[in-house]
Amino acid sequence: FTVALVTGTDLPYALAETVRSSAEQ
């Protein structure tokens, strides 16, 4: 659920891309 709220999807690739986008994530 946390992943889905952060990225708007529950795909693991999307969260990994979000984390790579900025160290602040």
PDB file of all heavy atoms in Angstrom:
ATOM      1  N   PHE A   1       0.828  -1.204   0.000  1.00  0.00           N
ATOM      2  CA  PHE A   1       0.000   0.000   0.000  1.00  0.00           C
ATOM      3  C   PHE A   1       0.868   1.262   0.000  1.00  0.00           C
ATOM      4  O   PHE A   1       0.566   2.246  -0.678  1.00  0.00           O
ATOM      5  CB  PHE A   1      -0.920   0.007   1.219  1.00  0.00           C
ATOM      6  CG  PHE A   1      -2.000  -1.031   1.164  1.00  0.00           C
ATOM      7  CD1 PHE A   1      -2.602  -1.497   2.328  1.00  0.00           C
ATOM      8  CD2 PHE A   1      -2.409  -1.562  -0.052  1.00  0.00           C
ATOM      9  CE1 PHE A   1      -3.589  -2.467   2.279  1.00  0.00           C
ATOM     10  CE2 PHE A   1      -3.404  -2.540  -0.109  1.00  0.00           C
ATOM     11  CZ  PHE A   1      -3.986  -2.987   1.062  1.00  0.00           C
ATOM     12  N   THR A   2       1.941   1.223   0.767  1.00  0.00           N
ATOM     13  CA  THR A   2       2.855   2.367   0.782  1.00  0.00           C
ATOM     14  C   THR A   2       3.473   2.591  -0.582  1.00  0.00           C
ATOM     15  O   THR A   2       3.586   3.720  -1.061  1.00  0.00           O
ATOM     16  CB  THR A   2       3.955   2.143   1.836  1.00  0.00           C
ATOM     17  OG1 THR A   2       3.368   1.853   3.103  1.00  0.00           O
ATOM     18  CG2 THR A   2       4.833   3.367   1.961  1.00  0.00           C
ATOM     19  N   VAL A   3       3.878   1.490  -1.235  1.00  0.00           N
ATOM     20  CA  VAL A   3       4.433   1.588  -2.587  1.00  0.00           C
ATOM     21  C   VAL A   3       3.411   2.205  -3.538  1.00  0.00           C
ATOM     22  O   VAL A   3       3.728   3.093  -4.339  1.00  0.00           O
ATOM     23  CB  VAL A   3       4.860   0.196  -3.093  1.00  0.00           C
ATOM     24  CG1 VAL A   3       5.255   0.250  -4.563  1.00  0.00           C
ATOM     25  CG2 VAL A   3       6.008  -0.342  -2.266  1.00  0.00           C
ATOM     26  N   ALA A   4       2.164   1.745  -3.441  1.00  0.00           N
ATOM     27  CA  ALA A   4       1.118   2.254  -4.330  1.00  0.00           C
ATOM     28  C   ALA A   4       0.866   3.737  -4.096  1.00  0.00           C
ATOM     29  O   ALA A   4       0.643   4.506  -5.039  1.00  0.00           O
ATOM     30  CB  ALA A   4      -0.164   1.452  -4.131  1.00  0.00           C
ATOM     31  N   LEU A   5       0.892   4.184  -2.833  1.00  0.00           N
ATOM     32  CA  LEU A   5       0.656   5.592  -2.533  1.00  0.00           C
ATOM     33  C   LEU A   5       1.812   6.468  -3.009  1.00  0.00           C
ATOM     34  O   LEU A   5       1.610   7.608  -3.427  1.00  0.00           O
ATOM     35  CB  LEU A   5       0.449   5.774  -1.025  1.00  0.00           C
ATOM     36  CG  LEU A   5      -0.857   5.201  -0.451  1.00  0.00           C
ATOM     37  CD1 LEU A   5      -0.835   5.267   1.068  1.00  0.00           C
ATOM     38  CD2 LEU A   5      -2.049   5.969  -0.994  1.00  0.00           C
ATOM     39  N   VAL A   6       3.032   5.953  -2.941  1.00  0.00           N
ATOM     40  CA  VAL A   6       4.200   6.735  -3.354  1.00  0.00           C
ATOM     41  C   VAL A   6       4.263   6.890  -4.861  1.00  0.00           C
ATOM     42  O   VAL A   6       4.517   7.970  -5.396  1.00  0.00           O
ATOM     43  CB  VAL A   6       5.494   6.088  -2.812  1.00  0.00           C
ATOM     44  CG1 VAL A   6       6.721   6.754  -3.425  1.00  0.00           C
ATOM     45  CG2 VAL A   6       5.550   6.204  -1.296  1.00  0.00           C
ATOM     46  N   THR A   7       4.023   5.809  -5.579  1.00  0.00           N
ATOM     47  CA  THR A   7       4.261   5.799  -7.025  1.00  0.00           C
ATOM     48  C   THR A   7       2.991   5.858  -7.860  1.00  0.00           C
ATOM     49  O   THR A   7       3.070   6.073  -9.069  1.00  0.00           O
ATOM     50  CB  THR A   7       5.027   4.518  -7.418  1.00  0.00           C
ATOM     51  OG1 THR A   7       4.198   3.382  -7.142  1.00  0.00           O
ATOM     52  CG2 THR A   7       6.322   4.410  -6.632  1.00  0.00           C
ATOM     53  N   GLY A   8       1.837   5.652  -7.244  1.00  0.00           N
ATOM     54  CA  GLY A   8       0.603   5.596  -8.018  1.00  0.00           C
ATOM     55  C   GLY A   8       0.383   4.259  -8.670  1.00  0.00           C
ATOM     56  O   GLY A   8      -0.590   4.068  -9.403  1.00  0.00           O
ATOM     57  N   THR A   9       1.255   3.301  -8.434  1.00  0.00           N
ATOM     58  CA  THR A   9       1.127   1.950  -8.961  1.00  0.00           C
ATOM     59  C   THR A   9       1.828   1.002  -8.009  1.00  0.00           C
ATOM     60  O   THR A   9       2.651   1.432  -7.184  1.00  0.00           O
ATOM     61  CB  THR A   9       1.752   1.830 -10.361  1.00  0.00           C
ATOM     62  OG1 THR A   9       1.677   0.465 -10.796  1.00  0.00           O
ATOM     63  CG2 THR A   9       3.208   2.248 -10.347  1.00  0.00           C
ATOM     64  N   ASP A  10       1.516  -0.279  -8.091  1.00  0.00           N
ATOM     65  CA  ASP A  10       2.185  -1.252  -7.230  1.00  0.00           C
ATOM     66  C   ASP A  10       3.184  -2.100  -8.009  1.00  0.00           C
ATOM     67  O   ASP A  10       3.517  -3.207  -7.608  1.00  0.00           O
ATOM     68  CB  ASP A  10       1.170  -2.154  -6.525  1.00  0.00           C
ATOM     69  CG  ASP A  10       0.184  -2.789  -7.495  1.00  0.00           C
ATOM     70  OD1 ASP A  10       0.303  -2.517  -8.687  1.00  0.00           O
ATOM     71  OD2 ASP A  10      -0.698  -3.549  -7.041  1.00  0.00           O
ATOM     72  N   LEU A  11       3.652  -1.566  -9.116  1.00  0.00           N
ATOM     73  CA  LEU A  11       4.701  -2.254  -9.866  1.00  0.00           C
ATOM     74  C   LEU A  11       6.052  -1.990  -9.213  1.00  0.00           C
ATOM     75  O   LEU A  11       6.404  -0.830  -8.952  1.00  0.00           O
ATOM     76  CB  LEU A  11       4.733  -1.777 -11.316  1.00  0.00           C
ATOM     77  CG  LEU A  11       3.545  -2.194 -12.197  1.00  0.00           C
ATOM     78  CD1 LEU A  11       3.659  -1.536 -13.560  1.00  0.00           C
ATOM     79  CD2 LEU A  11       3.483  -3.699 -12.329  1.00  0.00           C
ATOM     80  N   PRO A  12       6.847  -3.009  -8.917  1.00  0.00           N
ATOM     81  CA  PRO A  12       8.135  -2.785  -8.254  1.00  0.00           C
ATOM     82  C   PRO A  12       9.092  -1.946  -9.087  1.00  0.00           C
ATOM     83  O   PRO A  12       9.914  -1.215  -8.542  1.00  0.00           O
ATOM     84  CB  PRO A  12       8.669  -4.208  -8.037  1.00  0.00           C
ATOM     85  CG  PRO A  12       7.923  -5.065  -9.010  1.00  0.00           C
ATOM     86  CD  PRO A  12       6.586  -4.428  -9.167  1.00  0.00           C
ATOM     87  N   TYR A  13       8.999  -2.041 -10.427  1.00  0.00           N
ATOM     88  CA  TYR A  13       9.873  -1.240 -11.275  1.00  0.00           C
ATOM     89  C   TYR A  13       9.613   0.252 -11.082  1.00  0.00           C
ATOM     90  O   TYR A  13      10.525   1.072 -11.154  1.00  0.00           O
ATOM     91  CB  TYR A  13       9.674  -1.612 -12.746  1.00  0.00           C
ATOM     92  CG  TYR A  13      10.254  -2.948 -13.131  1.00  0.00           C
ATOM     93  CD1 TYR A  13       9.477  -4.095 -13.105  1.00  0.00           C
ATOM     94  CD2 TYR A  13      11.583  -3.069 -13.515  1.00  0.00           C
ATOM     95  CE1 TYR A  13      10.004  -5.332 -13.456  1.00  0.00           C
ATOM     96  CE2 TYR A  13      12.119  -4.288 -13.874  1.00  0.00           C
ATOM     97  CZ  TYR A  13      11.324  -5.421 -13.840  1.00  0.00           C
ATOM     98  OH  TYR A  13      11.860  -6.634 -14.183  1.00  0.00           O
ATOM     99  N   ALA A  14       8.345   0.615 -10.825  1.00  0.00           N
ATOM    100  CA  ALA A  14       7.995   2.028 -10.662  1.00  0.00           C
ATOM    101  C   ALA A  14       8.603   2.591  -9.384  1.00  0.00           C
ATOM    102  O   ALA A  14       9.126   3.709  -9.378  1.00  0.00           O
ATOM    103  CB  ALA A  14       6.477   2.192 -10.652  1.00  0.00           C
ATOM    104  N   LEU A  15       8.539   1.833  -8.287  1.00  0.00           N
ATOM    105  CA  LEU A  15       9.130   2.316  -7.046  1.00  0.00           C
ATOM    106  C   LEU A  15      10.645   2.414  -7.173  1.00  0.00           C
ATOM    107  O   LEU A  15      11.254   3.370  -6.682  1.00  0.00           O
ATOM    108  CB  LEU A  15       8.757   1.391  -5.888  1.00  0.00           C
ATOM    109  CG  LEU A  15       9.330   1.808  -4.528  1.00  0.00           C
ATOM    110  CD1 LEU A  15       8.853   3.197  -4.138  1.00  0.00           C
ATOM    111  CD2 LEU A  15       8.968   0.810  -3.446  1.00  0.00           C
ATOM    112  N   ALA A  16      11.272   1.442  -7.821  1.00  0.00           N
ATOM    113  CA  ALA A  16      12.719   1.504  -8.011  1.00  0.00           C
ATOM    114  C   ALA A  16      13.100   2.740  -8.822  1.00  0.00           C
ATOM    115  O   ALA A  16      14.088   3.419  -8.518  1.00  0.00           O
ATOM    116  CB  ALA A  16      13.209   0.233  -8.714  1.00  0.00           C
ATOM    117  N   GLU A  17      12.317   3.064  -9.834  1.00  0.00           N
ATOM    118  CA  GLU A  17      12.578   4.259 -10.630  1.00  0.00           C
ATOM    119  C   GLU A  17      12.389   5.517  -9.795  1.00  0.00           C
ATOM    120  O   GLU A  17      13.146   6.488  -9.923  1.00  0.00           O
ATOM    121  CB  GLU A  17      11.640   4.296 -11.843  1.00  0.00           C
ATOM    122  CG  GLU A  17      11.854   5.479 -12.769  1.00  0.00           C
ATOM    123  CD  GLU A  17      13.233   5.487 -13.395  1.00  0.00           C
ATOM    124  OE1 GLU A  17      13.790   4.388 -13.614  1.00  0.00           O
ATOM    125  OE2 GLU A  17      13.761   6.585 -13.669  1.00  0.00           O
ATOM    126  N   THR A  18      11.394   5.520  -8.903  1.00  0.00           N
ATOM    127  CA  THR A  18      11.167   6.664  -8.022  1.00  0.00           C
ATOM    128  C   THR A  18      12.347   6.876  -7.087  1.00  0.00           C
ATOM    129  O   THR A  18      12.798   8.008  -6.868  1.00  0.00           O
ATOM    130  CB  THR A  18       9.885   6.453  -7.199  1.00  0.00           C
ATOM    131  OG1 THR A  18       8.784   6.280  -8.085  1.00  0.00           O
ATOM    132  CG2 THR A  18       9.615   7.646  -6.302  1.00  0.00           C
ATOM    133  N   VAL A  19      12.878   5.797  -6.534  1.00  0.00           N
ATOM    134  CA  VAL A  19      14.024   5.907  -5.636  1.00  0.00           C
ATOM    135  C   VAL A  19      15.258   6.384  -6.381  1.00  0.00           C
ATOM    136  O   VAL A  19      16.033   7.204  -5.878  1.00  0.00           O
ATOM    137  CB  VAL A  19      14.287   4.554  -4.950  1.00  0.00           C
ATOM    138  CG1 VAL A  19      15.552   4.600  -4.114  1.00  0.00           C
ATOM    139  CG2 VAL A  19      13.092   4.166  -4.083  1.00  0.00           C
ATOM    140  N   ARG A  20      15.454   5.902  -7.598  1.00  0.00           N
ATOM    141  CA  ARG A  20      16.617   6.328  -8.387  1.00  0.00           C
ATOM    142  C   ARG A  20      16.514   7.775  -8.841  1.00  0.00           C
ATOM    143  O   ARG A  20      17.531   8.411  -9.125  1.00  0.00           O
ATOM    144  CB  ARG A  20      16.780   5.437  -9.627  1.00  0.00           C
ATOM    145  CG  ARG A  20      17.367   4.072  -9.354  1.00  0.00           C
ATOM    146  CD  ARG A  20      17.810   3.400 -10.655  1.00  0.00           C
ATOM    147  NE  ARG A  20      16.703   3.310 -11.595  1.00  0.00           N
ATOM    148  CZ  ARG A  20      15.846   2.298 -11.660  1.00  0.00           C
ATOM    149  NH1 ARG A  20      15.975   1.293 -10.820  1.00  0.00           N
ATOM    150  NH2 ARG A  20      14.872   2.281 -12.551  1.00  0.00           N
ATOM    151  N   SER A  21      15.306   8.315  -8.901  1.00  0.00           N
ATOM    152  CA  SER A  21      15.132   9.666  -9.418  1.00  0.00           C
ATOM    153  C   SER A  21      15.747  10.714  -8.507  1.00  0.00           C
ATOM    154  O   SER A  21      16.180  11.774  -8.976  1.00  0.00           O
ATOM    155  CB  SER A  21      13.640   9.963  -9.611  1.00  0.00           C
ATOM    156  OG  SER A  21      12.960   9.955  -8.356  1.00  0.00           O
ATOM    157  N   SER A  22      15.793  10.453  -7.206  1.00  0.00           N
ATOM    158  CA  SER A  22      16.341  11.436  -6.271  1.00  0.00           C
ATOM    159  C   SER A  22      16.739  10.738  -4.985  1.00  0.00           C
ATOM    160  O   SER A  22      16.024   9.852  -4.499  1.00  0.00           O
ATOM    161  CB  SER A  22      15.313  12.541  -5.981  1.00  0.00           C
ATOM    162  OG  SER A  22      15.769  13.400  -4.961  1.00  0.00           O
ATOM    163  N   ALA A  23      17.867  11.181  -4.422  1.00  0.00           N
ATOM    164  CA  ALA A  23      18.307  10.606  -3.150  1.00  0.00           C
ATOM    165  C   ALA A  23      17.363  10.976  -2.017  1.00  0.00           C
ATOM    166  O   ALA A  23      17.310  10.286  -0.987  1.00  0.00           O
ATOM    167  CB  ALA A  23      19.716  11.088  -2.816  1.00  0.00           C
ATOM    168  N   GLU A  24      16.593  12.051  -2.197  1.00  0.00           N
ATOM    169  CA  GLU A  24      15.646  12.457  -1.167  1.00  0.00           C
ATOM    170  C   GLU A  24      14.539  11.415  -0.975  1.00  0.00           C
ATOM    171  O   GLU A  24      13.934  11.344   0.099  1.00  0.00           O
ATOM    172  CB  GLU A  24      15.024  13.806  -1.521  1.00  0.00           C
ATOM    173  CG  GLU A  24      16.034  14.950  -1.570  1.00  0.00           C
ATOM    174  CD  GLU A  24      15.376  16.258  -1.952  1.00  0.00           C
ATOM    175  OE1 GLU A  24      14.159  16.243  -2.246  1.00  0.00           O
ATOM    176  OE2 GLU A  24      16.069  17.288  -1.957  1.00  0.00           O
ATOM    177  N   GLN A  25      14.271  10.655  -2.022  1.00  0.00           N
ATOM    178  CA  GLN A  25      13.208   9.648  -1.908  1.00  0.00           C
ATOM    179  C   GLN A  25      13.554   8.572  -0.882  1.00  0.00           C
ATOM    180  O   GLN A  25      12.667   8.002  -0.246  1.00  0.00           O
ATOM    181  CB  GLN A  25      12.961   8.999  -3.273  1.00  0.00           C
ATOM    182  CG  GLN A  25      12.509   9.955  -4.360  1.00  0.00           C
ATOM    183  CD  GLN A  25      11.125  10.502  -4.108  1.00  0.00           C
ATOM    184  OE1 GLN A  25      10.326   9.897  -3.402  1.00  0.00           O
ATOM    185  NE2 GLN A  25      10.820  11.657  -4.679  1.00  0.00           N
TER     186      GLN A  25
END
